[in-house]
Amino acid sequence: MGGVPVHYVDLRAFCYATEDESRVVRALRTYLPDDVDLDRVVTTGHHGDRIVVLSARVERADGVRHVLDRVRELDDLDAVLDELDDRVDEDCSFHLSLDKQAALDGAVRRGDGIRLRAKVEAYPARRAAAIDAIRGVLTAS
């Protein structure tokens, strides 16, 4: 992929009271390089239930490349590419939801449970340039 036009990638998942936290950690690790630490914040839901927010920011180029290589494994990557207008915001961030349950088994699928946000380098910092940049990253061989 050469240089990666992405400043950083954030991954986040919620671990609800009914879930095993170690399994949610394992699901997140499906996308993360081994040397990236997870942040853990305990909070309370609307009805007083315990929620653990697990998140990681990947900033090193090799780590960003690792995460995006996993995203490129999506079976429906062409659909994601077709939706880039809806997935890149005005702040040049690319958004994607990934299947937390599938990630438990190491599978890469779109779905619910894991949120990915990649801050795309775009010069000038415009949405159209960011769309072009992330398209190039996701289609690189």
N, C-alpha and C. Protein backbone atom coordinates (compact mmCIF):
# COMPACT_ATOMS: atom_id res chain seq x y z
N MET A 1 0.82 -1.19 0.00
CA MET A 1 0.00 0.00 0.00
C MET A 1 0.87 1.25 0.00
N GLY A 2 2.14 1.11 0.28
CA GLY A 2 3.01 2.28 0.34
C GLY A 2 2.63 3.15 1.50
N GLY A 3 2.70 4.49 1.31
CA GLY A 3 2.26 5.41 2.34
C GLY A 3 0.76 5.31 2.53
N VAL A 4 0.33 5.41 3.75
CA VAL A 4 -1.10 5.29 4.04
C VAL A 4 -1.64 6.69 4.32
N PRO A 5 -2.58 7.18 3.49
CA PRO A 5 -3.11 8.53 3.71
C PRO A 5 -4.18 8.58 4.79
N VAL A 6 -3.84 8.03 5.96
CA VAL A 6 -4.77 8.01 7.08
C VAL A 6 -3.98 8.43 8.33
N HIS A 7 -4.46 9.46 9.02
CA HIS A 7 -3.80 9.93 10.24
C HIS A 7 -3.87 8.89 11.35
N TYR A 8 -5.07 8.33 11.56
CA TYR A 8 -5.28 7.34 12.61
C TYR A 8 -6.58 6.60 12.35
N VAL A 9 -6.72 5.47 13.03
CA VAL A 9 -7.96 4.70 13.00
C VAL A 9 -8.40 4.48 14.44
N ASP A 10 -9.66 4.78 14.73
CA ASP A 10 -10.26 4.51 16.03
C ASP A 10 -11.20 3.32 15.90
N LEU A 11 -11.12 2.39 16.84
CA LEU A 11 -12.06 1.27 16.92
C LEU A 11 -12.69 1.31 18.30
N ARG A 12 -14.01 1.04 18.36
CA ARG A 12 -14.71 1.10 19.63
C ARG A 12 -15.82 0.06 19.67
N ALA A 13 -15.99 -0.56 20.82
CA ALA A 13 -17.09 -1.50 21.03
C ALA A 13 -17.59 -1.34 22.46
N PHE A 14 -18.87 -1.55 22.64
CA PHE A 14 -19.48 -1.56 23.96
C PHE A 14 -19.60 -2.99 24.44
N CYS A 15 -19.33 -3.19 25.70
CA CYS A 15 -19.54 -4.50 26.33
C CYS A 15 -20.66 -4.31 27.33
N TYR A 16 -21.81 -4.88 27.02
CA TYR A 16 -22.98 -4.73 27.87
C TYR A 16 -22.94 -5.74 29.01
N ALA A 17 -23.76 -5.53 30.00
CA ALA A 17 -23.77 -6.36 31.21
C ALA A 17 -24.00 -7.84 30.88
N THR A 18 -24.68 -8.13 29.79
CA THR A 18 -24.97 -9.52 29.42
C THR A 18 -23.83 -10.18 28.64
N GLU A 19 -22.77 -9.42 28.35
CA GLU A 19 -21.67 -9.95 27.54
C GLU A 19 -20.43 -10.23 28.38
N ASP A 20 -19.63 -11.15 27.89
CA ASP A 20 -18.34 -11.48 28.49
C ASP A 20 -17.30 -10.51 27.93
N GLU A 21 -16.72 -9.70 28.81
CA GLU A 21 -15.78 -8.68 28.36
C GLU A 21 -14.59 -9.26 27.59
N SER A 22 -14.10 -10.41 27.99
CA SER A 22 -12.95 -11.01 27.29
C SER A 22 -13.30 -11.35 25.85
N ARG A 23 -14.56 -11.69 25.60
CA ARG A 23 -14.99 -11.99 24.22
C ARG A 23 -15.06 -10.72 23.38
N VAL A 24 -15.50 -9.63 23.98
CA VAL A 24 -15.55 -8.36 23.25
C VAL A 24 -14.12 -7.89 22.95
N VAL A 25 -13.23 -8.06 23.89
CA VAL A 25 -11.82 -7.73 23.67
C VAL A 25 -11.28 -8.57 22.50
N ARG A 26 -11.59 -9.87 22.50
CA ARG A 26 -11.13 -10.75 21.42
C ARG A 26 -11.68 -10.30 20.06
N ALA A 27 -12.92 -9.86 20.04
CA ALA A 27 -13.52 -9.38 18.79
C ALA A 27 -12.78 -8.14 18.28
N LEU A 28 -12.49 -7.19 19.17
CA LEU A 28 -11.75 -6.00 18.77
C LEU A 28 -10.34 -6.35 18.28
N ARG A 29 -9.72 -7.30 18.95
CA ARG A 29 -8.36 -7.71 18.58
C ARG A 29 -8.29 -8.30 17.17
N THR A 30 -9.42 -8.73 16.63
CA THR A 30 -9.46 -9.23 15.25
C THR A 30 -8.93 -8.18 14.29
N TYR A 31 -9.15 -6.92 14.61
CA TYR A 31 -8.76 -5.82 13.72
C TYR A 31 -7.47 -5.12 14.13
N LEU A 32 -7.02 -5.35 15.35
CA LEU A 32 -5.90 -4.57 15.89
C LEU A 32 -4.56 -5.29 15.80
N PRO A 33 -3.50 -4.53 15.59
CA PRO A 33 -2.16 -5.12 15.72
C PRO A 33 -1.92 -5.51 17.19
N ASP A 34 -1.02 -6.46 17.41
CA ASP A 34 -0.77 -6.97 18.76
C ASP A 34 -0.27 -5.91 19.73
N ASP A 35 0.45 -4.91 19.23
CA ASP A 35 1.09 -3.95 20.14
C ASP A 35 0.20 -2.77 20.52
N VAL A 36 -1.06 -2.79 20.11
CA VAL A 36 -1.97 -1.70 20.42
C VAL A 36 -2.76 -2.03 21.68
N ASP A 37 -2.74 -1.13 22.63
CA ASP A 37 -3.46 -1.31 23.90
C ASP A 37 -4.90 -0.83 23.76
N LEU A 38 -5.77 -1.49 24.51
CA LEU A 38 -7.17 -1.07 24.56
C LEU A 38 -7.39 -0.16 25.76
N ASP A 39 -8.19 0.87 25.56
CA ASP A 39 -8.65 1.71 26.66
C ASP A 39 -9.97 1.14 27.14
N ARG A 40 -10.20 1.22 28.45
CA ARG A 40 -11.39 0.65 29.06
C ARG A 40 -12.02 1.69 29.97
N VAL A 41 -13.28 2.02 29.71
CA VAL A 41 -14.01 2.97 30.53
C VAL A 41 -15.32 2.31 30.95
N VAL A 42 -15.59 2.33 32.25
CA VAL A 42 -16.83 1.76 32.77
C VAL A 42 -17.83 2.90 32.94
N THR A 43 -19.03 2.68 32.43
CA THR A 43 -20.08 3.68 32.53
C THR A 43 -21.39 2.98 32.86
N THR A 44 -22.43 3.76 32.98
CA THR A 44 -23.74 3.23 33.33
C THR A 44 -24.75 3.59 32.26
N GLY A 45 -25.57 2.61 31.88
CA GLY A 45 -26.61 2.83 30.89
C GLY A 45 -27.81 3.55 31.48
N HIS A 46 -28.78 3.83 30.64
CA HIS A 46 -29.99 4.58 31.03
C HIS A 46 -30.73 3.93 32.20
N HIS A 47 -30.74 2.61 32.23
CA HIS A 47 -31.48 1.91 33.29
C HIS A 47 -30.57 1.42 34.41
N GLY A 48 -29.38 2.01 34.51
CA GLY A 48 -28.46 1.67 35.59
C GLY A 48 -27.59 0.46 35.31
N ASP A 49 -27.69 -0.08 34.11
CA ASP A 49 -26.89 -1.24 33.77
C ASP A 49 -25.45 -0.84 33.46
N ARG A 50 -24.52 -1.72 33.76
CA ARG A 50 -23.09 -1.46 33.57
C ARG A 50 -22.73 -1.66 32.09
N ILE A 51 -21.98 -0.70 31.54
CA ILE A 51 -21.48 -0.79 30.18
C ILE A 51 -19.99 -0.47 30.22
N VAL A 52 -19.19 -1.32 29.59
CA VAL A 52 -17.76 -1.08 29.47
C VAL A 52 -17.50 -0.66 28.02
N VAL A 53 -16.89 0.50 27.86
CA VAL A 53 -16.54 0.99 26.54
C VAL A 53 -15.07 0.64 26.29
N LEU A 54 -14.83 -0.17 25.28
CA LEU A 54 -13.48 -0.58 24.90
C LEU A 54 -13.12 0.13 23.61
N SER A 55 -11.95 0.76 23.59
CA SER A 55 -11.57 1.50 22.39
C SER A 55 -10.05 1.47 22.21
N ALA A 56 -9.64 1.75 20.99
CA ALA A 56 -8.22 1.82 20.66
C ALA A 56 -8.03 2.81 19.53
N ARG A 57 -6.93 3.52 19.58
CA ARG A 57 -6.53 4.41 18.49
C ARG A 57 -5.23 3.86 17.93
N VAL A 58 -5.21 3.65 16.63
CA VAL A 58 -4.03 3.15 15.94
C VAL A 58 -3.48 4.32 15.12
N GLU A 59 -2.24 4.72 15.44
CA GLU A 59 -1.65 5.90 14.79
C GLU A 59 -0.43 5.59 13.94
N ARG A 60 0.30 4.54 14.30
CA ARG A 60 1.50 4.21 13.53
C ARG A 60 1.10 3.66 12.16
N ALA A 61 1.86 4.02 11.13
CA ALA A 61 1.52 3.64 9.75
C ALA A 61 1.36 2.13 9.59
N ASP A 62 2.25 1.35 10.20
CA ASP A 62 2.14 -0.11 10.09
C ASP A 62 0.85 -0.61 10.72
N GLY A 63 0.48 -0.03 11.85
CA GLY A 63 -0.75 -0.43 12.52
C GLY A 63 -1.98 -0.03 11.73
N VAL A 64 -1.98 1.18 11.19
CA VAL A 64 -3.09 1.64 10.35
C VAL A 64 -3.23 0.71 9.15
N ARG A 65 -2.10 0.37 8.55
CA ARG A 65 -2.10 -0.54 7.40
C ARG A 65 -2.70 -1.89 7.79
N HIS A 66 -2.34 -2.39 8.98
CA HIS A 66 -2.88 -3.66 9.47
C HIS A 66 -4.41 -3.61 9.56
N VAL A 67 -4.95 -2.57 10.18
CA VAL A 67 -6.41 -2.45 10.33
C VAL A 67 -7.08 -2.36 8.97
N LEU A 68 -6.54 -1.54 8.08
CA LEU A 68 -7.17 -1.37 6.77
C LEU A 68 -7.03 -2.61 5.90
N ASP A 69 -5.96 -3.36 6.08
CA ASP A 69 -5.84 -4.64 5.37
C ASP A 69 -6.95 -5.58 5.80
N ARG A 70 -7.28 -5.59 7.08
CA ARG A 70 -8.39 -6.43 7.56
C ARG A 70 -9.71 -5.97 6.94
N VAL A 71 -9.92 -4.65 6.87
CA VAL A 71 -11.16 -4.12 6.28
C VAL A 71 -11.25 -4.53 4.81
N ARG A 72 -10.13 -4.57 4.13
CA ARG A 72 -10.12 -4.95 2.71
C ARG A 72 -10.52 -6.40 2.49
N GLU A 73 -10.59 -7.20 3.57
CA GLU A 73 -11.03 -8.59 3.48
C GLU A 73 -12.55 -8.73 3.42
N LEU A 74 -13.28 -7.64 3.56
CA LEU A 74 -14.74 -7.70 3.52
C LEU A 74 -15.22 -8.33 2.21
N ASP A 75 -16.17 -9.27 2.33
CA ASP A 75 -16.76 -9.88 1.14
C ASP A 75 -17.50 -8.86 0.29
N ASP A 76 -18.07 -7.87 0.94
CA ASP A 76 -18.85 -6.87 0.22
C ASP A 76 -18.12 -5.52 0.14
N LEU A 77 -16.81 -5.58 -0.05
CA LEU A 77 -16.01 -4.36 -0.14
C LEU A 77 -16.51 -3.46 -1.28
N ASP A 78 -16.96 -4.05 -2.38
CA ASP A 78 -17.47 -3.24 -3.49
C ASP A 78 -18.67 -2.40 -3.05
N ALA A 79 -19.50 -2.95 -2.19
CA ALA A 79 -20.65 -2.19 -1.68
C ALA A 79 -20.18 -1.03 -0.81
N VAL A 80 -19.15 -1.27 0.00
CA VAL A 80 -18.59 -0.20 0.83
C VAL A 80 -18.05 0.91 -0.07
N LEU A 81 -17.34 0.53 -1.12
CA LEU A 81 -16.79 1.52 -2.06
C LEU A 81 -17.91 2.31 -2.72
N ASP A 82 -19.02 1.65 -3.05
CA ASP A 82 -20.16 2.34 -3.65
C ASP A 82 -20.82 3.32 -2.68
N GLU A 83 -20.64 3.09 -1.38
CA GLU A 83 -21.27 3.91 -0.34
C GLU A 83 -20.35 4.98 0.23
N LEU A 84 -19.19 5.19 -0.36
CA LEU A 84 -18.23 6.13 0.24
C LEU A 84 -18.79 7.53 0.41
N ASP A 85 -19.68 7.96 -0.47
CA ASP A 85 -20.30 9.28 -0.31
C ASP A 85 -21.03 9.39 1.03
N ASP A 86 -21.59 8.27 1.48
CA ASP A 86 -22.31 8.26 2.76
C ASP A 86 -21.41 7.94 3.94
N ARG A 87 -20.22 7.41 3.69
CA ARG A 87 -19.34 6.93 4.75
C ARG A 87 -18.22 7.90 5.12
N VAL A 88 -18.03 8.94 4.31
CA VAL A 88 -17.00 9.95 4.60
C VAL A 88 -17.72 11.26 4.93
N ASP A 89 -17.41 11.80 6.11
CA ASP A 89 -18.08 13.02 6.54
C ASP A 89 -17.29 14.27 6.16
N GLU A 90 -17.82 15.42 6.51
CA GLU A 90 -17.19 16.70 6.16
C GLU A 90 -15.86 16.92 6.87
N ASP A 91 -15.61 16.17 7.94
CA ASP A 91 -14.33 16.27 8.66
C ASP A 91 -13.29 15.30 8.11
N CYS A 92 -13.59 14.70 6.95
CA CYS A 92 -12.69 13.75 6.27
C CYS A 92 -12.48 12.48 7.09
N SER A 93 -13.51 12.02 7.78
CA SER A 93 -13.44 10.76 8.51
C SER A 93 -14.29 9.73 7.80
N PHE A 94 -13.74 8.53 7.68
CA PHE A 94 -14.41 7.37 7.08
C PHE A 94 -15.01 6.55 8.21
N HIS A 95 -16.29 6.19 8.10
CA HIS A 95 -17.00 5.46 9.14
C HIS A 95 -17.47 4.11 8.62
N LEU A 96 -17.37 3.10 9.48
CA LEU A 96 -17.81 1.76 9.11
C LEU A 96 -18.20 1.00 10.38
N SER A 97 -19.28 0.24 10.29
CA SER A 97 -19.71 -0.63 11.39
C SER A 97 -19.36 -2.06 11.04
N LEU A 98 -18.77 -2.75 12.01
CA LEU A 98 -18.31 -4.12 11.79
C LEU A 98 -19.01 -5.07 12.76
N ASP A 99 -19.18 -6.28 12.33
CA ASP A 99 -19.91 -7.30 13.07
C ASP A 99 -19.08 -7.83 14.24
N LYS A 100 -19.49 -7.51 15.46
CA LYS A 100 -18.77 -7.93 16.66
C LYS A 100 -18.82 -9.45 16.83
N GLN A 101 -19.96 -10.06 16.55
CA GLN A 101 -20.11 -11.51 16.71
C GLN A 101 -19.21 -12.26 15.73
N ALA A 102 -19.17 -11.83 14.48
CA ALA A 102 -18.32 -12.49 13.48
C ALA A 102 -16.84 -12.34 13.85
N ALA A 103 -16.49 -11.18 14.39
CA ALA A 103 -15.09 -10.91 14.75
C ALA A 103 -14.60 -11.85 15.85
N LEU A 104 -15.51 -12.37 16.66
CA LEU A 104 -15.12 -13.34 17.69
C LEU A 104 -14.43 -14.55 17.08
N ASP A 105 -14.84 -14.91 15.87
CA ASP A 105 -14.26 -16.06 15.17
C ASP A 105 -13.19 -15.62 14.17
N GLY A 106 -12.79 -14.34 14.23
CA GLY A 106 -11.76 -13.84 13.33
C GLY A 106 -12.29 -13.44 11.96
N ALA A 107 -13.59 -13.48 11.77
CA ALA A 107 -14.19 -13.13 10.48
C ALA A 107 -14.37 -11.62 10.38
N VAL A 108 -14.29 -11.12 9.17
CA VAL A 108 -14.44 -9.70 8.90
C VAL A 108 -15.73 -9.50 8.10
N ARG A 109 -16.73 -8.90 8.75
CA ARG A 109 -18.02 -8.63 8.10
C ARG A 109 -18.57 -7.31 8.60
N ARG A 110 -19.36 -6.70 7.76
CA ARG A 110 -20.09 -5.52 8.21
C ARG A 110 -21.23 -5.96 9.09
N GLY A 111 -21.59 -5.12 10.04
CA GLY A 111 -22.68 -5.43 10.95
C GLY A 111 -22.64 -4.48 12.12
N ASP A 112 -23.15 -4.94 13.24
CA ASP A 112 -23.22 -4.09 14.43
C ASP A 112 -22.22 -4.52 15.48
N GLY A 113 -21.82 -3.57 16.31
CA GLY A 113 -21.03 -3.89 17.48
C GLY A 113 -19.67 -3.24 17.55
N ILE A 114 -19.00 -3.08 16.42
CA ILE A 114 -17.69 -2.45 16.39
C ILE A 114 -17.76 -1.26 15.44
N ARG A 115 -17.39 -0.11 15.95
CA ARG A 115 -17.38 1.11 15.14
C ARG A 115 -15.94 1.45 14.76
N LEU A 116 -15.73 1.69 13.48
CA LEU A 116 -14.43 2.09 12.98
C LEU A 116 -14.55 3.51 12.43
N ARG A 117 -13.58 4.33 12.79
CA ARG A 117 -13.50 5.68 12.22
C ARG A 117 -12.04 5.90 11.84
N ALA A 118 -11.83 6.22 10.57
CA ALA A 118 -10.48 6.50 10.08
C ALA A 118 -10.41 7.96 9.66
N LYS A 119 -9.48 8.70 10.24
CA LYS A 119 -9.28 10.11 9.88
C LYS A 119 -8.37 10.12 8.65
N VAL A 120 -8.94 10.51 7.53
CA VAL A 120 -8.26 10.44 6.24
C VAL A 120 -7.46 11.70 5.99
N GLU A 121 -6.23 11.52 5.53
CA GLU A 121 -5.40 12.66 5.10
C GLU A 121 -5.89 13.08 3.73
N ALA A 122 -6.27 14.31 3.60
CA ALA A 122 -6.75 14.82 2.32
C ALA A 122 -6.26 16.25 2.16
N TYR A 123 -5.59 16.50 1.06
CA TYR A 123 -5.07 17.84 0.78
C TYR A 123 -5.56 18.26 -0.58
N PRO A 124 -6.36 19.29 -0.65
CA PRO A 124 -6.87 20.07 0.49
C PRO A 124 -7.83 19.22 1.32
N ALA A 125 -8.04 19.63 2.56
CA ALA A 125 -8.88 18.88 3.49
C ALA A 125 -10.34 19.05 3.13
N ARG A 126 -10.71 18.38 2.07
CA ARG A 126 -12.09 18.43 1.59
C ARG A 126 -12.62 17.01 1.47
N ARG A 127 -13.90 16.89 1.63
CA ARG A 127 -14.56 15.59 1.62
C ARG A 127 -14.27 14.81 0.34
N ALA A 128 -14.34 15.47 -0.81
CA ALA A 128 -14.11 14.79 -2.09
C ALA A 128 -12.69 14.21 -2.16
N ALA A 129 -11.72 14.95 -1.66
CA ALA A 129 -10.34 14.46 -1.65
C ALA A 129 -10.21 13.27 -0.70
N ALA A 130 -10.91 13.32 0.43
CA ALA A 130 -10.87 12.22 1.39
C ALA A 130 -11.51 10.96 0.80
N ILE A 131 -12.60 11.12 0.07
CA ILE A 131 -13.25 9.98 -0.57
C ILE A 131 -12.27 9.34 -1.56
N ASP A 132 -11.62 10.13 -2.37
CA ASP A 132 -10.64 9.61 -3.32
C ASP A 132 -9.51 8.89 -2.61
N ALA A 133 -9.02 9.47 -1.50
CA ALA A 133 -7.91 8.87 -0.77
C ALA A 133 -8.28 7.53 -0.15
N ILE A 134 -9.44 7.45 0.50
CA ILE A 134 -9.82 6.19 1.13
C ILE A 134 -10.19 5.15 0.08
N ARG A 135 -10.73 5.56 -1.04
CA ARG A 135 -10.99 4.63 -2.14
C ARG A 135 -9.66 4.02 -2.61
N GLY A 136 -8.63 4.85 -2.73
CA GLY A 136 -7.33 4.35 -3.14
C GLY A 136 -6.76 3.35 -2.15
N VAL A 137 -6.93 3.62 -0.87
CA VAL A 137 -6.44 2.71 0.17
C VAL A 137 -7.17 1.38 0.11
N LEU A 138 -8.48 1.43 -0.03
CA LEU A 138 -9.27 0.21 0.03
C LEU A 138 -9.19 -0.63 -1.24
N THR A 139 -8.74 -0.03 -2.33
CA THR A 139 -8.63 -0.78 -3.59
C THR A 139 -7.19 -1.14 -3.93
N ALA A 140 -6.23 -0.69 -3.12
CA ALA A 140 -4.82 -1.01 -3.38
C ALA A 140 -4.59 -2.51 -3.23
N SER A 141 -3.71 -3.04 -4.09
CA SER A 141 -3.43 -4.48 -3.95
C SER A 141 -2.18 -4.76 -3.22
